[in-house]
PDB file of N, CA and C in Angstrom:
ATOM      1  N   MET A   1       0.814  -1.195   0.000  1.00  0.00           N
ATOM      2  CA  MET A   1       0.000   0.000   0.000  1.00  0.00           C
ATOM      3  C   MET A   1       0.856   1.257   0.000  1.00  0.00           C
ATOM      4  N   LEU A   2       1.911   1.311   0.761  1.00  0.00           N
ATOM      5  CA  LEU A   2       2.768   2.482   0.804  1.00  0.00           C
ATOM      6  C   LEU A   2       3.426   2.733  -0.549  1.00  0.00           C
ATOM      7  N   ALA A   3       3.833   1.725  -1.251  1.00  0.00           N
ATOM      8  CA  ALA A   3       4.468   1.872  -2.558  1.00  0.00           C
ATOM      9  C   ALA A   3       3.518   2.513  -3.565  1.00  0.00           C
ATOM     10  N   SER A   4       2.241   2.204  -3.490  1.00  0.00           N
ATOM     11  CA  SER A   4       1.300   2.772  -4.449  1.00  0.00           C
ATOM     12  C   SER A   4       1.041   4.252  -4.172  1.00  0.00           C
ATOM     13  N   LEU A   5       1.270   4.725  -2.980  1.00  0.00           N
ATOM     14  CA  LEU A   5       1.063   6.133  -2.663  1.00  0.00           C
ATOM     15  C   LEU A   5       2.291   6.989  -2.944  1.00  0.00           C
ATOM     16  N   THR A   6       3.446   6.384  -3.073  1.00  0.00           N
ATOM     17  CA  THR A   6       4.689   7.121  -3.234  1.00  0.00           C
ATOM     18  C   THR A   6       4.701   8.008  -4.471  1.00  0.00           C
ATOM     19  N   GLY A   7       4.203   7.541  -5.575  1.00  0.00           N
ATOM     20  CA  GLY A   7       4.225   8.300  -6.823  1.00  0.00           C
ATOM     21  C   GLY A   7       3.107   9.318  -6.945  1.00  0.00           C
ATOM     22  N   CYS A   8       2.175   9.347  -6.057  1.00  0.00           N
ATOM     23  CA  CYS A   8       1.043  10.264  -6.142  1.00  0.00           C
ATOM     24  C   CYS A   8       1.443  11.657  -5.674  1.00  0.00           C
ATOM     25  N   SER A   9       0.986  12.663  -6.388  1.00  0.00           N
ATOM     26  CA  SER A   9       1.178  14.029  -5.913  1.00  0.00           C
ATOM     27  C   SER A   9      -0.192  14.623  -5.649  1.00  0.00           C
ATOM     28  N   SER A  10      -0.291  15.313  -4.563  1.00  0.00           N
ATOM     29  CA  SER A  10      -1.561  15.906  -4.190  1.00  0.00           C
ATOM     30  C   SER A  10      -1.320  17.351  -3.796  1.00  0.00           C
ATOM     31  N   GLN A  11      -1.938  18.267  -4.517  1.00  0.00           N
ATOM     32  CA  GLN A  11      -1.842  19.676  -4.186  1.00  0.00           C
ATOM     33  C   GLN A  11      -3.199  20.146  -3.722  1.00  0.00           C
ATOM     34  N   SER A  12      -3.211  20.876  -2.640  1.00  0.00           N
ATOM     35  CA  SER A  12      -4.470  21.435  -2.198  1.00  0.00           C
ATOM     36  C   SER A  12      -4.760  22.698  -2.996  1.00  0.00           C
ATOM     37  N   THR A  13      -6.014  22.936  -3.235  1.00  0.00           N
ATOM     38  CA  THR A  13      -6.455  24.113  -3.967  1.00  0.00           C
ATOM     39  C   THR A  13      -7.258  24.990  -3.025  1.00  0.00           C
ATOM     40  N   SER A  14      -6.938  26.277  -3.020  1.00  0.00           N
ATOM     41  CA  SER A  14      -7.670  27.244  -2.203  1.00  0.00           C
ATOM     42  C   SER A  14      -8.314  28.267  -3.115  1.00  0.00           C
ATOM     43  N   THR A  15      -9.492  28.727  -2.730  1.00  0.00           N
ATOM     44  CA  THR A  15     -10.203  29.746  -3.497  1.00  0.00           C
ATOM     45  C   THR A  15     -10.605  30.879  -2.562  1.00  0.00           C
ATOM     46  N   ILE A  16     -10.346  32.090  -3.008  1.00  0.00           N
ATOM     47  CA  ILE A  16     -10.712  33.293  -2.264  1.00  0.00           C
ATOM     48  C   ILE A  16     -11.667  34.074  -3.149  1.00  0.00           C
ATOM     49  N   GLU A  17     -12.807  34.488  -2.597  1.00  0.00           N
ATOM     50  CA  GLU A  17     -13.759  35.304  -3.345  1.00  0.00           C
ATOM     51  C   GLU A  17     -13.848  36.675  -2.693  1.00  0.00           C
ATOM     52  N   ILE A  18     -13.796  37.720  -3.530  1.00  0.00           N
ATOM     53  CA  ILE A  18     -13.845  39.089  -3.053  1.00  0.00           C
ATOM     54  C   ILE A  18     -14.849  39.849  -3.915  1.00  0.00           C
ATOM     55  N   PRO A  19     -15.807  40.545  -3.299  1.00  0.00           N
ATOM     56  CA  PRO A  19     -16.726  41.362  -4.096  1.00  0.00           C
ATOM     57  C   PRO A  19     -15.954  42.485  -4.783  1.00  0.00           C
ATOM     58  N   GLY A  20     -16.386  42.882  -5.986  1.00  0.00           N
ATOM     59  CA  GLY A  20     -15.695  43.907  -6.753  1.00  0.00           C
ATOM     60  C   GLY A  20     -15.486  45.205  -6.000  1.00  0.00           C
ATOM     61  N   GLY A  21     -16.395  45.582  -5.143  1.00  0.00           N
ATOM     62  CA  GLY A  21     -16.262  46.812  -4.373  1.00  0.00           C
ATOM     63  C   GLY A  21     -15.491  46.606  -3.082  1.00  0.00           C
ATOM     64  N   GLY A  22     -15.013  45.384  -2.836  1.00  0.00           N
ATOM     65  CA  GLY A  22     -14.321  45.060  -1.594  1.00  0.00           C
ATOM     66  C   GLY A  22     -12.861  45.475  -1.607  1.00  0.00           C
ATOM     67  N   THR A  23     -12.241  45.332  -0.439  1.00  0.00           N
ATOM     68  CA  THR A  23     -10.833  45.646  -0.276  1.00  0.00           C
ATOM     69  C   THR A  23     -10.151  44.458   0.372  1.00  0.00           C
ATOM     70  N   ALA A  24      -8.977  44.082  -0.144  1.00  0.00           N
ATOM     71  CA  ALA A  24      -8.242  42.956   0.425  1.00  0.00           C
ATOM     72  C   ALA A  24      -6.754  43.133   0.146  1.00  0.00           C
ATOM     73  N   SER A  25      -5.945  42.556   1.016  1.00  0.00           N
ATOM     74  CA  SER A  25      -4.498  42.539   0.823  1.00  0.00           C
ATOM     75  C   SER A  25      -4.000  41.203   1.364  1.00  0.00           C
ATOM     76  N   ILE A  26      -3.503  40.343   0.467  1.00  0.00           N
ATOM     77  CA  ILE A  26      -3.078  39.001   0.857  1.00  0.00           C
ATOM     78  C   ILE A  26      -1.798  38.625   0.112  1.00  0.00           C
ATOM     79  N   SER A  27      -1.176  37.558   0.554  1.00  0.00           N
ATOM     80  CA  SER A  27       0.007  37.023  -0.105  1.00  0.00           C
ATOM     81  C   SER A  27      -0.319  35.613  -0.584  1.00  0.00           C
ATOM     82  N   ILE A  28      -0.036  35.346  -1.854  1.00  0.00           N
ATOM     83  CA  ILE A  28      -0.278  34.033  -2.447  1.00  0.00           C
ATOM     84  C   ILE A  28       1.008  33.572  -3.110  1.00  0.00           C
ATOM     85  N   ASN A  29       1.495  32.424  -2.699  1.00  0.00           N
ATOM     86  CA  ASN A  29       2.720  31.855  -3.271  1.00  0.00           C
ATOM     87  C   ASN A  29       3.865  32.874  -3.272  1.00  0.00           C
ATOM     88  N   GLY A  30       3.929  33.680  -2.227  1.00  0.00           N
ATOM     89  CA  GLY A  30       5.001  34.658  -2.090  1.00  0.00           C
ATOM     90  C   GLY A  30       4.815  35.928  -2.891  1.00  0.00           C
ATOM     91  N   LYS A  31       3.663  36.104  -3.531  1.00  0.00           N
ATOM     92  CA  LYS A  31       3.382  37.315  -4.312  1.00  0.00           C
ATOM     93  C   LYS A  31       2.238  38.084  -3.663  1.00  0.00           C
ATOM     94  N   HIS A  32       2.344  39.390  -3.707  1.00  0.00           N
ATOM     95  CA  HIS A  32       1.361  40.246  -3.064  1.00  0.00           C
ATOM     96  C   HIS A  32       0.146  40.456  -3.961  1.00  0.00           C
ATOM     97  N   VAL A  33      -1.036  40.346  -3.356  1.00  0.00           N
ATOM     98  CA  VAL A  33      -2.297  40.586  -4.056  1.00  0.00           C
ATOM     99  C   VAL A  33      -3.033  41.671  -3.285  1.00  0.00           C
ATOM    100  N   GLN A  34      -3.441  42.712  -3.998  1.00  0.00           N
ATOM    101  CA  GLN A  34      -4.185  43.779  -3.354  1.00  0.00           C
ATOM    102  C   GLN A  34      -5.385  44.140  -4.209  1.00  0.00           C
ATOM    103  N   VAL A  35      -6.531  44.311  -3.567  1.00  0.00           N
ATOM    104  CA  VAL A  35      -7.736  44.777  -4.238  1.00  0.00           C
ATOM    105  C   VAL A  35      -8.138  46.063  -3.527  1.00  0.00           C
ATOM    106  N   ARG A  36      -8.221  47.127  -4.316  1.00  0.00           N
ATOM    107  CA  ARG A  36      -8.552  48.417  -3.719  1.00  0.00           C
ATOM    108  C   ARG A  36      -9.100  49.342  -4.802  1.00  0.00           C
ATOM    109  N   ASP A  37     -10.171  50.027  -4.494  1.00  0.00           N
ATOM    110  CA  ASP A  37     -10.775  50.999  -5.415  1.00  0.00           C
ATOM    111  C   ASP A  37     -11.050  50.413  -6.791  1.00  0.00           C
ATOM    112  N   GLY A  38     -11.496  49.164  -6.849  1.00  0.00           N
ATOM    113  CA  GLY A  38     -11.851  48.527  -8.114  1.00  0.00           C
ATOM    114  C   GLY A  38     -10.683  48.063  -8.949  1.00  0.00           C
ATOM    115  N   ILE A  39      -9.488  48.035  -8.382  1.00  0.00           N
ATOM    116  CA  ILE A  39      -8.297  47.589  -9.107  1.00  0.00           C
ATOM    117  C   ILE A  39      -7.659  46.429  -8.347  1.00  0.00           C
ATOM    118  N   LEU A  40      -7.414  45.335  -9.040  1.00  0.00           N
ATOM    119  CA  LEU A  40      -6.671  44.203  -8.495  1.00  0.00           C
ATOM    120  C   LEU A  40      -5.228  44.366  -8.945  1.00  0.00           C
ATOM    121  N   THR A  41      -4.299  44.335  -8.003  1.00  0.00           N
ATOM    122  CA  THR A  41      -2.880  44.372  -8.344  1.00  0.00           C
ATOM    123  C   THR A  41      -2.277  43.050  -7.903  1.00  0.00           C
ATOM    124  N   TYR A  42      -1.712  42.311  -8.858  1.00  0.00           N
ATOM    125  CA  TYR A  42      -1.079  41.025  -8.590  1.00  0.00           C
ATOM    126  C   TYR A  42       0.279  41.025  -9.259  1.00  0.00           C
ATOM    127  N   ASN A  43       1.328  40.926  -8.469  1.00  0.00           N
ATOM    128  CA  ASN A  43       2.690  40.837  -9.006  1.00  0.00           C
ATOM    129  C   ASN A  43       2.989  41.971  -9.992  1.00  0.00           C
ATOM    130  N   GLY A  44       2.508  43.181  -9.676  1.00  0.00           N
ATOM    131  CA  GLY A  44       2.746  44.351 -10.514  1.00  0.00           C
ATOM    132  C   GLY A  44       1.750  44.559 -11.634  1.00  0.00           C
ATOM    133  N   GLN A  45       0.918  43.554 -11.913  1.00  0.00           N
ATOM    134  CA  GLN A  45      -0.093  43.668 -12.968  1.00  0.00           C
ATOM    135  C   GLN A  45      -1.371  44.244 -12.369  1.00  0.00           C
ATOM    136  N   LYS A  46      -1.998  45.160 -13.090  1.00  0.00           N
ATOM    137  CA  LYS A  46      -3.244  45.766 -12.615  1.00  0.00           C
ATOM    138  C   LYS A  46      -4.394  45.317 -13.500  1.00  0.00           C
ATOM    139  N   ILE A  47      -5.475  44.915 -12.835  1.00  0.00           N
ATOM    140  CA  ILE A  47      -6.662  44.430 -13.532  1.00  0.00           C
ATOM    141  C   ILE A  47      -7.864  45.147 -12.938  1.00  0.00           C
ATOM    142  N   ALA A  48      -8.683  45.781 -13.783  1.00  0.00           N
ATOM    143  CA  ALA A  48      -9.883  46.463 -13.322  1.00  0.00           C
ATOM    144  C   ALA A  48     -10.944  45.435 -12.932  1.00  0.00           C
ATOM    145  N   VAL A  49     -11.592  45.686 -11.804  1.00  0.00           N
ATOM    146  CA  VAL A  49     -12.662  44.808 -11.325  1.00  0.00           C
ATOM    147  C   VAL A  49     -13.926  45.663 -11.198  1.00  0.00           C
ATOM    148  N   PRO A  50     -14.939  45.405 -12.034  1.00  0.00           N
ATOM    149  CA  PRO A  50     -16.175  46.181 -11.938  1.00  0.00           C
ATOM    150  C   PRO A  50     -16.789  46.082 -10.531  1.00  0.00           C
ATOM    151  N   GLU A  51     -17.453  47.139 -10.108  1.00  0.00           N
ATOM    152  CA  GLU A  51     -17.979  47.233  -8.748  1.00  0.00           C
ATOM    153  C   GLU A  51     -18.907  46.081  -8.361  1.00  0.00           C
ATOM    154  N   ASN A  52     -19.735  45.633  -9.264  1.00  0.00           N
ATOM    155  CA  ASN A  52     -20.695  44.564  -8.941  1.00  0.00           C
ATOM    156  C   ASN A  52     -20.186  43.171  -9.306  1.00  0.00           C
ATOM    157  N   ALA A  53     -18.952  43.078  -9.738  1.00  0.00           N
ATOM    158  CA  ALA A  53     -18.378  41.785 -10.143  1.00  0.00           C
ATOM    159  C   ALA A  53     -17.878  41.018  -8.922  1.00  0.00           C
ATOM    160  N   THR A  54     -17.658  39.726  -9.118  1.00  0.00           N
ATOM    161  CA  THR A  54     -17.048  38.893  -8.088  1.00  0.00           C
ATOM    162  C   THR A  54     -15.671  38.469  -8.569  1.00  0.00           C
ATOM    163  N   LEU A  55     -14.699  38.703  -7.734  1.00  0.00           N
ATOM    164  CA  LEU A  55     -13.320  38.340  -8.019  1.00  0.00           C
ATOM    165  C   LEU A  55     -13.049  37.010  -7.334  1.00  0.00           C
ATOM    166  N   LYS A  56     -12.543  36.045  -8.087  1.00  0.00           N
ATOM    167  CA  LYS A  56     -12.242  34.727  -7.543  1.00  0.00           C
ATOM    168  C   LYS A  56     -10.788  34.388  -7.837  1.00  0.00           C
ATOM    169  N   ILE A  57     -10.011  34.140  -6.771  1.00  0.00           N
ATOM    170  CA  ILE A  57      -8.602  33.779  -6.904  1.00  0.00           C
ATOM    171  C   ILE A  57      -8.465  32.333  -6.462  1.00  0.00           C
ATOM    172  N   THR A  58      -8.038  31.461  -7.371  1.00  0.00           N
ATOM    173  CA  THR A  58      -7.840  30.050  -7.076  1.00  0.00           C
ATOM    174  C   THR A  58      -6.352  29.768  -7.189  1.00  0.00           C
ATOM    175  N   HIS A  59      -5.802  29.109  -6.171  1.00  0.00           N
ATOM    176  CA  HIS A  59      -4.364  28.848  -6.226  1.00  0.00           C
ATOM    177  C   HIS A  59      -3.994  27.517  -5.596  1.00  0.00           C
ATOM    178  N   THR A  60      -2.896  26.972  -6.114  1.00  0.00           N
ATOM    179  CA  THR A  60      -2.250  25.790  -5.558  1.00  0.00           C
ATOM    180  C   THR A  60      -0.843  26.228  -5.172  1.00  0.00           C
ATOM    181  N   ASP A  61       0.029  25.281  -4.841  1.00  0.00           N
ATOM    182  CA  ASP A  61       1.408  25.626  -4.517  1.00  0.00           C
ATOM    183  C   ASP A  61       2.168  26.163  -5.721  1.00  0.00           C
ATOM    184  N   THR A  62       1.714  25.850  -6.931  1.00  0.00           N
ATOM    185  CA  THR A  62       2.474  26.223  -8.130  1.00  0.00           C
ATOM    186  C   THR A  62       1.708  27.071  -9.145  1.00  0.00           C
ATOM    187  N   ALA A  63       0.431  27.287  -8.967  1.00  0.00           N
ATOM    188  CA  ALA A  63      -0.351  27.994  -9.984  1.00  0.00           C
ATOM    189  C   ALA A  63      -1.364  28.948  -9.345  1.00  0.00           C
ATOM    190  N   VAL A  64      -1.653  30.025 -10.072  1.00  0.00           N
ATOM    191  CA  VAL A  64      -2.656  30.996  -9.652  1.00  0.00           C
ATOM    192  C   VAL A  64      -3.558  31.272 -10.843  1.00  0.00           C
ATOM    193  N   ARG A  65      -4.858  31.302 -10.597  1.00  0.00           N
ATOM    194  CA  ARG A  65      -5.827  31.670 -11.629  1.00  0.00           C
ATOM    195  C   ARG A  65      -6.768  32.704 -11.023  1.00  0.00           C
ATOM    196  N   ILE A  66      -6.972  33.796 -11.755  1.00  0.00           N
ATOM    197  CA  ILE A  66      -7.839  34.862 -11.279  1.00  0.00           C
ATOM    198  C   ILE A  66      -8.973  35.022 -12.275  1.00  0.00           C
ATOM    199  N   HIS A  67     -10.196  34.975 -11.740  1.00  0.00           N
ATOM    200  CA  HIS A  67     -11.401  35.123 -12.553  1.00  0.00           C
ATOM    201  C   HIS A  67     -12.175  36.354 -12.075  1.00  0.00           C
ATOM    202  N   VAL A  68     -12.755  37.086 -13.013  1.00  0.00           N
ATOM    203  CA  VAL A  68     -13.701  38.147 -12.705  1.00  0.00           C
ATOM    204  C   VAL A  68     -15.013  37.706 -13.318  1.00  0.00           C
ATOM    205  N   ASP A  69     -16.015  37.500 -12.452  1.00  0.00           N
ATOM    206  CA  ASP A  69     -17.319  36.980 -12.905  1.00  0.00           C
ATOM    207  C   ASP A  69     -17.150  35.741 -13.784  1.00  0.00           C
ATOM    208  N   ASP A  70     -16.377  34.801 -13.333  1.00  0.00           N
ATOM    209  CA  ASP A  70     -16.128  33.520 -13.997  1.00  0.00           C
ATOM    210  C   ASP A  70     -15.382  33.628 -15.324  1.00  0.00           C
ATOM    211  N   LYS A  71     -14.844  34.803 -15.657  1.00  0.00           N
ATOM    212  CA  LYS A  71     -14.018  34.961 -16.863  1.00  0.00           C
ATOM    213  C   LYS A  71     -12.553  34.980 -16.423  1.00  0.00           C
ATOM    214  N   LEU A  72     -11.760  34.078 -16.962  1.00  0.00           N
ATOM    215  CA  LEU A  72     -10.346  33.994 -16.629  1.00  0.00           C
ATOM    216  C   LEU A  72      -9.637  35.248 -17.124  1.00  0.00           C
ATOM    217  N   VAL A  73      -8.990  35.979 -16.183  1.00  0.00           N
ATOM    218  CA  VAL A  73      -8.279  37.200 -16.569  1.00  0.00           C
ATOM    219  C   VAL A  73      -6.768  37.086 -16.334  1.00  0.00           C
ATOM    220  N   LEU A  74      -6.338  36.100 -15.549  1.00  0.00           N
ATOM    221  CA  LEU A  74      -4.915  35.908 -15.314  1.00  0.00           C
ATOM    222  C   LEU A  74      -4.657  34.461 -14.941  1.00  0.00           C
ATOM    223  N   LYS A  75      -3.632  33.880 -15.559  1.00  0.00           N
ATOM    224  CA  LYS A  75      -3.232  32.498 -15.278  1.00  0.00           C
ATOM    225  C   LYS A  75      -1.723  32.478 -15.161  1.00  0.00           C
ATOM    226  N   GLU A  76      -1.246  31.954 -14.032  1.00  0.00           N
ATOM    227  CA  GLU A  76       0.203  31.878 -13.818  1.00  0.00           C
ATOM    228  C   GLU A  76       0.533  30.556 -13.180  1.00  0.00           C
ATOM    229  N   PRO A  77       1.441  29.806 -13.590  1.00  0.00           N
ATOM    230  CA  PRO A  77       2.057  29.717 -14.890  1.00  0.00           C
ATOM    231  C   PRO A  77       1.143  29.051 -15.876  1.00  0.00           C
TER     232      PRO A  77
END
């Protein structure tokens, strides 16, 4: 049983949801994420977030995906 688990990789996935008019400042995978005044700033990139939109940040240990109202706006890597 232990041998069959050795080759498996399991990454946990976390999702953060922020209303478009909300404010947040967090760190994901060592990169700063800030939402303020309708602008999302991630790793120096700025993305406009409409006031009534929902911002969803999904991340694992190696990847980040940012959606605004379920539309993918940033994928790394």
